[in-house]
Protein backbone atom coordinates (compact mmCIF):
# COMPACT_ATOMS: atom_id res chain seq x y z
CA UNK A 1 130.53 244.01 107.61
CA UNK A 2 126.97 244.27 106.22
CA UNK A 3 126.36 247.72 107.69
CA UNK A 4 129.77 248.92 106.54
CA UNK A 5 128.95 247.71 103.03
CA UNK A 6 125.65 249.61 103.16
CA UNK A 7 127.57 252.78 104.00
CA UNK A 8 130.11 252.22 101.22
CA UNK A 9 127.35 251.65 98.66
CA UNK A 10 125.51 254.76 99.89
CA UNK A 11 128.61 256.87 99.20
CA UNK A 12 128.52 256.16 95.46
CA UNK A 13 129.70 257.83 93.24
CA UNK A 14 132.24 259.40 95.63
CA UNK A 15 135.68 257.84 96.04
CA UNK A 16 135.77 255.92 99.32
CA UNK A 17 138.57 255.30 101.79
CA UNK A 18 138.31 253.13 104.89
CA UNK A 19 140.30 254.25 107.92
CA UNK A 20 141.47 251.22 109.86
CA UNK A 21 144.20 249.64 111.95
CA UNK A 22 143.30 246.03 111.23
CA UNK A 23 144.62 243.74 108.48
CA UNK A 24 141.28 241.94 108.04
CA UNK A 25 139.36 245.20 107.66
CA UNK A 26 142.00 246.51 105.25
CA UNK A 27 141.72 243.36 103.13
CA UNK A 28 137.92 243.65 103.07
CA UNK A 29 138.10 247.33 102.09
CA UNK A 30 140.51 246.56 99.27
CA UNK A 31 138.33 243.68 98.08
CA UNK A 32 135.29 245.96 97.75
CA UNK A 33 137.26 248.66 95.93
CA UNK A 34 137.84 251.16 98.71
CA UNK A 35 141.17 252.79 99.39
CA UNK A 36 142.72 251.99 102.75
CA UNK A 37 144.02 254.70 105.06
CA UNK A 38 146.00 253.25 107.94
CA UNK A 39 145.35 254.69 111.36
CA UNK A 40 148.66 255.64 112.89
CA UNK A 41 147.30 256.95 116.19
CA UNK A 42 145.15 255.38 118.92
CA UNK A 43 141.69 256.67 119.71
CA UNK A 44 138.89 257.39 117.24
CA UNK A 45 139.11 261.19 117.19
CA UNK A 46 142.90 261.25 116.84
CA UNK A 47 142.81 258.50 114.22
CA UNK A 48 140.24 260.41 112.16
CA UNK A 49 142.31 263.61 112.38
CA UNK A 50 145.34 261.65 111.19
CA UNK A 51 143.36 260.02 108.39
CA UNK A 52 141.98 263.36 107.22
CA UNK A 53 145.51 264.81 107.23
CA UNK A 54 146.73 261.86 105.14
CA UNK A 55 143.92 262.39 102.61
CA UNK A 56 144.59 266.15 102.47
CA UNK A 57 148.29 265.45 101.82
CA UNK A 58 147.21 263.26 98.87
CA UNK A 59 145.17 266.12 97.39
CA UNK A 60 141.67 265.62 98.79
CA UNK A 61 139.83 268.92 99.03
CA UNK A 62 136.88 267.72 101.07
CA UNK A 63 136.53 264.73 103.39
CA UNK A 64 133.40 263.10 104.71
CA UNK A 65 133.57 260.91 107.78
CA UNK A 66 130.67 258.47 108.00
CA UNK A 67 130.55 255.76 110.62
CA UNK A 68 130.04 252.16 109.55
CA UNK A 69 127.12 251.47 111.92
CA UNK A 70 124.39 253.10 109.82
CA UNK A 71 122.12 250.29 108.56
CA UNK A 72 119.82 252.66 106.63
CA UNK A 73 122.48 254.80 104.93
CA UNK A 74 121.46 256.09 101.51
CA UNK A 75 122.65 258.85 99.20
CA UNK A 76 125.50 260.02 101.42
CA UNK A 77 127.06 261.78 98.43
CA UNK A 78 124.32 264.41 98.68
CA UNK A 79 126.09 265.75 101.79
CA UNK A 80 129.22 266.68 99.82
CA UNK A 81 129.95 269.89 98.00
CA UNK A 82 129.19 272.49 100.65
CA UNK A 83 132.13 274.72 101.58
CA UNK A 84 131.76 274.68 105.36
CA UNK A 85 131.09 271.97 107.94
CA UNK A 86 128.15 269.62 107.45
CA UNK A 87 127.00 267.60 110.46
CA UNK A 88 124.47 264.77 110.57
CA UNK A 89 123.55 264.09 114.21
CA UNK A 90 122.30 260.76 115.49
CA UNK A 91 118.59 260.43 116.17
CA UNK A 92 119.09 261.50 119.78
CA UNK A 93 121.08 264.57 118.69
CA UNK A 94 123.96 263.46 120.91
CA UNK A 95 126.41 261.85 118.52
CA UNK A 96 127.68 262.72 115.05
CA UNK A 97 126.97 260.03 112.46
CA UNK A 98 128.41 261.93 109.50
CA UNK A 99 130.55 265.00 109.10
CA UNK A 100 131.87 266.66 105.95
CA UNK A 101 134.69 269.22 106.14
CA UNK A 102 137.30 270.91 104.00
CA UNK A 103 140.23 268.47 104.17
CA UNK A 104 142.84 271.07 105.13
CA UNK A 105 140.73 272.80 107.79
CA UNK A 106 142.53 271.32 110.80
CA UNK A 107 139.14 270.42 112.28
CA UNK A 108 139.46 268.81 115.73
CA UNK A 109 137.16 265.84 116.15
CA UNK A 110 135.50 264.87 119.43
CA UNK A 111 133.79 261.54 118.82
CA UNK A 112 132.15 259.97 121.86
CA UNK A 113 129.57 261.27 124.31
CA UNK A 114 127.98 264.54 123.15
CA UNK A 115 130.11 264.69 120.01
CA UNK A 116 127.45 266.59 118.10
CA UNK A 117 127.65 269.63 120.39
CA UNK A 118 131.43 269.39 120.46
CA UNK A 119 131.54 269.42 116.64
CA UNK A 120 129.14 272.38 116.51
CA UNK A 121 131.47 274.20 118.93
CA UNK A 122 134.54 273.31 116.82
CA UNK A 123 132.91 274.76 113.71
CA UNK A 124 132.18 277.95 115.67
CA UNK A 125 135.72 278.04 117.11
CA UNK A 126 137.10 277.94 113.58
CA UNK A 127 134.47 280.43 112.29
CA UNK A 128 133.43 277.90 109.66
CA UNK A 129 129.93 278.00 108.15
CA UNK A 130 127.83 275.21 109.63
CA UNK A 131 125.10 273.15 107.97
CA UNK A 132 123.15 270.66 110.06
CA UNK A 133 121.30 267.94 108.17
CA UNK A 134 118.79 265.94 110.17
CA UNK A 135 117.99 262.74 108.36
CA UNK A 136 116.00 260.17 110.31
CA UNK A 137 117.63 257.20 108.60
CA UNK A 138 121.22 258.48 108.60
CA UNK A 139 120.51 259.36 112.21
CA UNK A 140 119.83 255.72 113.10
CA UNK A 141 123.09 254.20 114.31
CA UNK A 142 123.80 251.05 116.27
CA UNK A 143 125.55 251.83 119.53
CA UNK A 144 123.63 249.72 122.03
CA UNK A 145 121.67 246.44 121.93
CA UNK A 146 118.47 248.49 122.28
CA UNK A 147 119.26 250.14 118.93
CA UNK A 148 118.82 246.76 117.27
CA UNK A 149 115.32 246.37 118.73
CA UNK A 150 113.89 249.22 116.67
CA UNK A 151 115.92 248.42 113.59
CA UNK A 152 113.26 246.40 111.77
CA UNK A 153 110.54 248.96 112.41
CA UNK A 154 112.79 251.78 111.25
CA UNK A 155 113.62 249.92 108.04
CA UNK A 156 109.92 249.85 107.13
CA UNK A 157 109.76 253.65 107.10
CA UNK A 158 110.12 254.87 103.52
CA UNK A 159 113.19 257.02 103.00
CA UNK A 160 112.49 260.54 101.76
CA UNK A 161 114.41 261.64 98.68
CA UNK A 162 117.69 263.43 99.36
CA UNK A 163 116.12 266.71 98.32
CA UNK A 164 113.53 266.23 101.07
CA UNK A 165 116.09 266.08 103.86
CA UNK A 166 115.57 268.86 106.34
CA UNK A 167 118.49 271.24 106.40
CA UNK A 168 119.03 273.85 109.10
CA UNK A 169 121.57 276.63 108.99
């Protein structure tokens, strides 16, 4: 839960909801002050689509999906506020570590192998403006045991200020 807590803290001052299908995770989320959105569908992409729809139905205008395996997450709130789709790829530019969308957009998620390109294609399919933010520390996720090997070295790299993040359009 340590990495998940890092992500929650990095989202401040935004309101935070944790999408889950597990009582223990839900209890933890409630204990740390996050709202709980219950996943009603199996599979990550479908569950996220359902969670986004639930948040939109409750009045959310914009939703940011950030995975809980980002040990260096900082200042995630700086990704919010743009009217189109914001994508933060993993350091290999294969996966999508964070995505921010208008809540009612009907965006179709494709988490898994090559999700970054699939999300770029979905933004194009919907003719939504696309912003890609490459952030070396938000890009560091933990998917494989090898990702843990470089974790300590990566944590010694000073984090640039949010305004220094490279943004491509």
